Protein backbone atom coordinates (compact mmCIF):
# COMPACT_ATOMS: atom_id res chain seq x y z
CA MET A 1 1.60 -29.22 -57.17
CA LYS A 2 3.54 -30.34 -60.24
CA ALA A 3 4.29 -28.21 -63.27
CA LEU A 4 6.04 -28.73 -66.58
CA ILE A 5 8.23 -25.70 -67.17
CA ASP A 6 8.59 -24.87 -70.86
CA GLU A 7 12.08 -24.40 -72.29
CA ASN A 8 11.54 -20.64 -72.63
CA VAL A 9 10.96 -20.00 -68.91
CA PRO A 10 13.94 -18.64 -66.95
CA PRO A 11 15.05 -20.03 -63.57
CA GLU A 12 13.81 -16.93 -61.73
CA VAL A 13 10.20 -17.88 -62.51
CA VAL A 14 10.77 -21.45 -61.34
CA GLU A 15 12.27 -20.16 -58.08
CA ALA A 16 9.36 -17.79 -57.42
CA LEU A 17 6.79 -20.53 -58.03
CA ALA A 18 8.67 -23.03 -55.88
CA GLU A 19 8.23 -20.66 -52.94
CA VAL A 20 4.48 -21.38 -53.03
CA GLY A 21 4.78 -25.13 -53.58
CA ILE A 22 4.71 -25.42 -57.35
CA VAL A 23 7.36 -28.02 -58.14
CA GLY A 24 8.67 -27.48 -61.64
CA ILE A 25 10.22 -30.01 -63.95
CA HIS A 26 11.91 -28.40 -66.92
CA VAL A 27 10.82 -29.70 -70.31
CA ARG A 28 14.44 -29.55 -71.44
CA GLU A 29 15.26 -32.23 -68.83
CA VAL A 30 12.56 -34.71 -69.82
CA LEU A 31 11.25 -33.74 -73.28
CA SER A 32 13.94 -31.56 -74.82
CA GLY A 33 12.88 -30.35 -78.24
CA ALA A 34 9.37 -31.79 -77.96
CA ASN A 35 6.54 -30.01 -79.74
CA ASP A 36 3.79 -28.26 -77.80
CA ALA A 37 1.20 -31.01 -78.34
CA THR A 38 3.59 -33.59 -76.85
CA ILE A 39 4.24 -31.34 -73.85
CA LEU A 40 0.50 -30.86 -73.38
CA ASP A 41 -0.09 -34.62 -73.55
CA CYS A 42 2.64 -35.27 -71.00
CA ALA A 43 1.21 -32.64 -68.64
CA GLN A 44 -2.23 -34.24 -68.92
CA ARG A 45 -0.91 -37.76 -68.23
CA PHE A 46 1.00 -36.64 -65.13
CA GLY A 47 -1.51 -34.11 -63.81
CA ALA A 48 0.94 -31.25 -64.18
CA ALA A 49 0.20 -27.65 -65.10
CA ILE A 50 2.24 -25.99 -67.84
CA ILE A 51 4.24 -22.80 -67.27
CA THR A 52 5.19 -21.07 -70.53
CA PHE A 53 5.71 -17.91 -72.56
CA ASP A 54 4.37 -19.72 -75.65
CA LYS A 55 0.97 -18.46 -76.87
CA ASP A 56 0.53 -21.63 -78.94
CA PHE A 57 -0.74 -23.41 -75.83
CA GLY A 58 -3.80 -21.16 -75.93
CA ASP A 59 -4.56 -22.42 -79.43
CA LEU A 60 -4.13 -26.04 -78.38
CA VAL A 61 -6.38 -25.63 -75.35
CA PHE A 62 -9.09 -23.30 -76.66
CA ARG A 63 -9.29 -23.99 -80.40
CA GLN A 64 -8.21 -27.60 -80.58
CA LYS A 65 -9.78 -28.36 -77.19
CA LEU A 66 -6.91 -30.54 -76.00
CA PRO A 67 -7.12 -31.32 -72.27
CA VAL A 68 -4.61 -30.02 -69.72
CA PRO A 69 -4.72 -29.68 -65.92
CA GLY A 70 -3.82 -25.98 -66.09
CA VAL A 71 -1.67 -23.39 -67.83
CA LEU A 72 0.18 -20.26 -66.72
CA LEU A 73 0.98 -18.17 -69.78
CA LEU A 74 3.49 -15.42 -69.08
CA ARG A 75 2.85 -12.43 -71.36
CA THR A 76 5.49 -9.94 -70.36
CA PRO A 77 7.82 -7.73 -72.32
CA ALA A 78 11.50 -8.62 -72.24
CA MET A 79 12.71 -7.86 -68.73
CA PRO A 80 15.58 -8.86 -66.49
CA GLY A 81 15.10 -12.06 -64.53
CA SER A 82 14.99 -10.18 -61.23
CA GLU A 83 12.03 -8.08 -62.42
CA LEU A 84 10.26 -11.14 -63.75
CA ARG A 85 10.80 -12.90 -60.41
CA THR A 86 9.25 -9.89 -58.60
CA LEU A 87 6.22 -9.93 -60.90
CA VAL A 88 5.66 -13.67 -60.50
CA ARG A 89 6.09 -13.44 -56.72
CA ALA A 90 3.39 -10.75 -56.57
CA TYR A 91 0.87 -13.21 -58.02
CA SER A 92 2.36 -16.55 -56.97
CA THR A 93 -0.19 -17.30 -54.24
CA ALA A 94 -3.08 -16.62 -56.63
CA VAL A 95 -1.39 -18.71 -59.31
CA ALA A 96 -0.86 -21.63 -56.92
CA SER A 97 -4.48 -21.60 -55.76
CA GLN A 98 -6.05 -21.25 -59.22
CA ILE A 99 -3.81 -22.88 -61.83
CA LEU A 100 -5.43 -26.31 -61.72
CA GLY A 101 -8.53 -26.20 -63.88
CA HIS A 102 -7.69 -22.77 -65.29
CA PHE A 103 -5.79 -20.99 -68.04
CA LEU A 104 -3.97 -18.10 -66.37
CA VAL A 105 -2.36 -15.20 -68.19
CA LEU A 106 0.11 -13.14 -66.18
CA SER A 107 1.19 -9.78 -67.58
CA VAL A 108 2.44 -6.53 -66.10
CA ALA A 109 -1.23 -5.45 -66.06
CA GLY A 110 -2.20 -8.32 -63.76
CA LEU A 111 -3.49 -11.87 -63.71
CA ARG A 112 -6.39 -13.04 -65.89
CA VAL A 113 -8.10 -16.33 -65.09
CA LYS A 114 -10.28 -18.40 -67.42
CA PRO A 115 -11.76 -21.69 -66.24
CA LEU A 116 -10.87 -24.55 -68.55
CA GLY A 117 -14.44 -25.81 -68.30
CA GLU A 118 -15.52 -22.79 -70.40
CA ILE A 119 -13.67 -23.87 -73.53
């Protein structure tokens, strides 16, 4: 599965997701400095999910109803990359199996899943 990795996502998250087959392309490599709507449009055109810490994607998807294949929103406190990697690994299989067609929110409390068809 393909994913656009937002500029705010550290390499440890990308590594953990790659272990379950989510191939990430960093936004900074292909759309450096692009606004969130442009990133969302690109993800839609290429069938890629978005991995981000940016809550603005929730607004774009749920309030503005812009289409996207899937989103993983990371809502964690500041933590070292190794701890973040451990958290993502704990849920990586669930993320990989559910991200398409869903808006996922991963926090230290767990993983919440909302189907995109319910927006």
